[in-house]
C-alpha atoms as a PDB file:
ATOM      1  CA  MET A   1       0.000   0.000   0.000  1.00  0.00           C
ATOM      2  CA  SER A   2       1.375   3.425  -0.894  1.00  0.00           C
ATOM      3  CA  TYR A   3       1.031   6.053   1.794  1.00  0.00           C
ATOM      4  CA  SER A   4       1.886   9.042  -0.390  1.00  0.00           C
ATOM      5  CA  ASN A   5      -1.823   9.467  -1.205  1.00  0.00           C
ATOM      6  CA  TYR A   6      -3.128   8.011   2.062  1.00  0.00           C
ATOM      7  CA  SER A   7      -5.479  10.319   3.922  1.00  0.00           C
ATOM      8  CA  PRO A   8      -6.188   8.973   7.411  1.00  0.00           C
ATOM      9  CA  PRO A   9      -9.310   9.924   9.348  1.00  0.00           C
ATOM     10  CA  PRO A  10      -8.764  13.001  11.564  1.00  0.00           C
ATOM     11  CA  HIS A  11      -8.386  10.991  14.782  1.00  0.00           C
ATOM     12  CA  THR A  12      -5.808   8.727  13.137  1.00  0.00           C
ATOM     13  CA  ASP A  13      -3.840  11.749  11.986  1.00  0.00           C
ATOM     14  CA  ARG A  14      -3.787  13.142  15.538  1.00  0.00           C
ATOM     15  CA  ILE A  15      -2.506   9.827  16.909  1.00  0.00           C
ATOM     16  CA  LEU A  16       0.197   9.594  14.249  1.00  0.00           C
ATOM     17  CA  SER A  17       1.251  13.186  14.925  1.00  0.00           C
ATOM     18  CA  TYR A  18       1.485  12.460  18.628  1.00  0.00           C
ATOM     19  CA  LEU A  19       3.621   9.368  18.059  1.00  0.00           C
ATOM     20  CA  ARG A  20       5.903  11.268  15.666  1.00  0.00           C
ATOM     21  CA  ASP A  21       6.228  14.569  17.529  1.00  0.00           C
ATOM     22  CA  ARG A  22       5.405  14.084  21.196  1.00  0.00           C
ATOM     23  CA  LEU A  23       6.503  10.606  22.276  1.00  0.00           C
ATOM     24  CA  PRO A  24      10.213  10.881  23.151  1.00  0.00           C
ATOM     25  CA  GLY A  25      12.375   8.221  21.542  1.00  0.00           C
ATOM     26  CA  TYR A  26       9.540   6.728  19.500  1.00  0.00           C
ATOM     27  CA  PRO A  27      10.939   5.190  16.275  1.00  0.00           C
ATOM     28  CA  PHE A  28       8.291   6.678  13.998  1.00  0.00           C
ATOM     29  CA  ASP A  29       7.963   4.956  10.637  1.00  0.00           C
ATOM     30  CA  GLU A  30       5.211   6.328   8.419  1.00  0.00           C
ATOM     31  CA  SER A  31       4.272   3.041   6.785  1.00  0.00           C
ATOM     32  CA  ALA A  32       4.553   0.850   9.876  1.00  0.00           C
ATOM     33  CA  ASP A  33       2.765   3.333  12.100  1.00  0.00           C
ATOM     34  CA  HIS A  34      -0.180   3.810   9.749  1.00  0.00           C
ATOM     35  CA  ASP A  35      -0.696   0.046   9.913  1.00  0.00           C
ATOM     36  CA  PHE A  36      -0.058  -0.008  13.677  1.00  0.00           C
ATOM     37  CA  VAL A  37      -2.609   2.710  14.453  1.00  0.00           C
ATOM     38  CA  ASP A  38      -5.194   1.290  12.049  1.00  0.00           C
ATOM     39  CA  GLU A  39      -4.873  -2.102  13.720  1.00  0.00           C
ATOM     40  CA  LEU A  40      -5.172  -0.628  17.224  1.00  0.00           C
ATOM     41  CA  LEU A  41      -8.284   1.298  16.233  1.00  0.00           C
ATOM     42  CA  GLU A  42      -9.785  -1.836  14.717  1.00  0.00           C
ATOM     43  CA  ASP A  43      -8.912  -4.121  17.643  1.00  0.00           C
ATOM     44  CA  PHE A  44      -9.887  -1.674  20.422  1.00  0.00           C
ATOM     45  CA  PRO A  45     -12.786   0.305  18.935  1.00  0.00           C
ATOM     46  CA  HIS A  46     -14.096   1.759  22.188  1.00  0.00           C
ATOM     47  CA  SER A  47     -10.755   2.912  23.540  1.00  0.00           C
ATOM     48  CA  ASP A  48      -9.558   6.499  23.466  1.00  0.00           C
ATOM     49  CA  LEU A  49      -6.297   5.551  21.816  1.00  0.00           C
ATOM     50  CA  LEU A  50      -4.717   8.992  21.977  1.00  0.00           C
ATOM     51  CA  GLU A  51      -5.434   9.258  25.692  1.00  0.00           C
ATOM     52  CA  GLU A  52      -4.029   5.764  26.269  1.00  0.00           C
ATOM     53  CA  ILE A  53      -0.787   6.707  24.499  1.00  0.00           C
ATOM     54  CA  LYS A  54      -0.520   9.939  26.484  1.00  0.00           C
ATOM     55  CA  THR A  55      -1.037   8.016  29.729  1.00  0.00           C
ATOM     56  CA  PHE A  56       1.591   5.478  28.662  1.00  0.00           C
ATOM     57  CA  ARG A  57       4.052   8.298  28.020  1.00  0.00           C
ATOM     58  CA  TRP A  58       3.593   9.932  31.394  1.00  0.00           C
ATOM     59  CA  PHE A  59       3.429   6.651  33.297  1.00  0.00           C
ATOM     60  CA  HIS A  60       6.993   6.179  32.082  1.00  0.00           C
ATOM     61  CA  ASP A  61       8.004   9.685  33.251  1.00  0.00           C
ATOM     62  CA  ASN A  62       8.168  11.043  29.704  1.00  0.00           C
ATOM     63  CA  GLU A  63      10.963   8.566  28.866  1.00  0.00           C
ATOM     64  CA  PRO A  64       9.256   5.388  27.643  1.00  0.00           C
ATOM     65  CA  ALA A  65      12.063   4.572  25.197  1.00  0.00           C
ATOM     66  CA  SER A  66      14.508   4.186  28.075  1.00  0.00           C
ATOM     67  CA  ARG A  67      12.221   1.730  29.891  1.00  0.00           C
ATOM     68  CA  VAL A  68      10.942  -0.627  27.190  1.00  0.00           C
ATOM     69  CA  ALA A  69      12.702  -2.362  24.306  1.00  0.00           C
ATOM     70  CA  ASN A  70       9.835  -2.357  21.789  1.00  0.00           C
ATOM     71  CA  LEU A  71       7.607   0.703  22.062  1.00  0.00           C
ATOM     72  CA  ARG A  72       4.947  -0.500  19.635  1.00  0.00           C
ATOM     73  CA  LEU A  73       4.539  -3.761  21.525  1.00  0.00           C
ATOM     74  CA  ALA A  74       4.504  -1.940  24.872  1.00  0.00           C
ATOM     75  CA  ILE A  75       1.839   0.496  23.642  1.00  0.00           C
ATOM     76  CA  ARG A  76      -0.270  -2.359  22.257  1.00  0.00           C
ATOM     77  CA  ARG A  77      -0.088  -4.205  25.577  1.00  0.00           C
ATOM     78  CA  TRP A  78      -0.923  -0.995  27.467  1.00  0.00           C
ATOM     79  CA  VAL A  79      -3.985  -0.341  25.297  1.00  0.00           C
ATOM     80  CA  ALA A  80      -5.095  -4.003  25.512  1.00  0.00           C
ATOM     81  CA  LYS A  81      -4.859  -3.934  29.309  1.00  0.00           C
ATOM     82  CA  GLY A  82      -6.900  -0.740  29.471  1.00  0.00           C
ATOM     83  CA  TYR A  83      -9.442  -2.206  27.072  1.00  0.00           C
ATOM     84  CA  ARG A  84      -9.837  -5.348  29.206  1.00  0.00           C
ATOM     85  CA  GLN A  85     -10.274  -3.243  32.355  1.00  0.00           C
ATOM     86  CA  GLN A  86     -12.821  -1.043  30.603  1.00  0.00           C
ATOM     87  CA  ARG A  87     -14.891  -4.053  29.529  1.00  0.00           C
ATOM     88  CA  SER A  88     -14.926  -5.799  32.924  1.00  0.00           C
END
């Protein structure tokens, strides 16, 4: 899939911008992160994904990259845990 003409929904664009510009040490990759965010939105439809990512960032004292080896996996697990708690 080519992302040069990809136009994400507004909420997706805000999440991607946050990952790229506001999450210290995040290894932003346009192609991978479009897929990553799309999958999170699909798998956790009732979660406020942007808020979950912000909470993840500050839980790790604004330095998540120094505390976890794979940020995408850590974010996915964080969102999944919040989703399970929300549904119980």
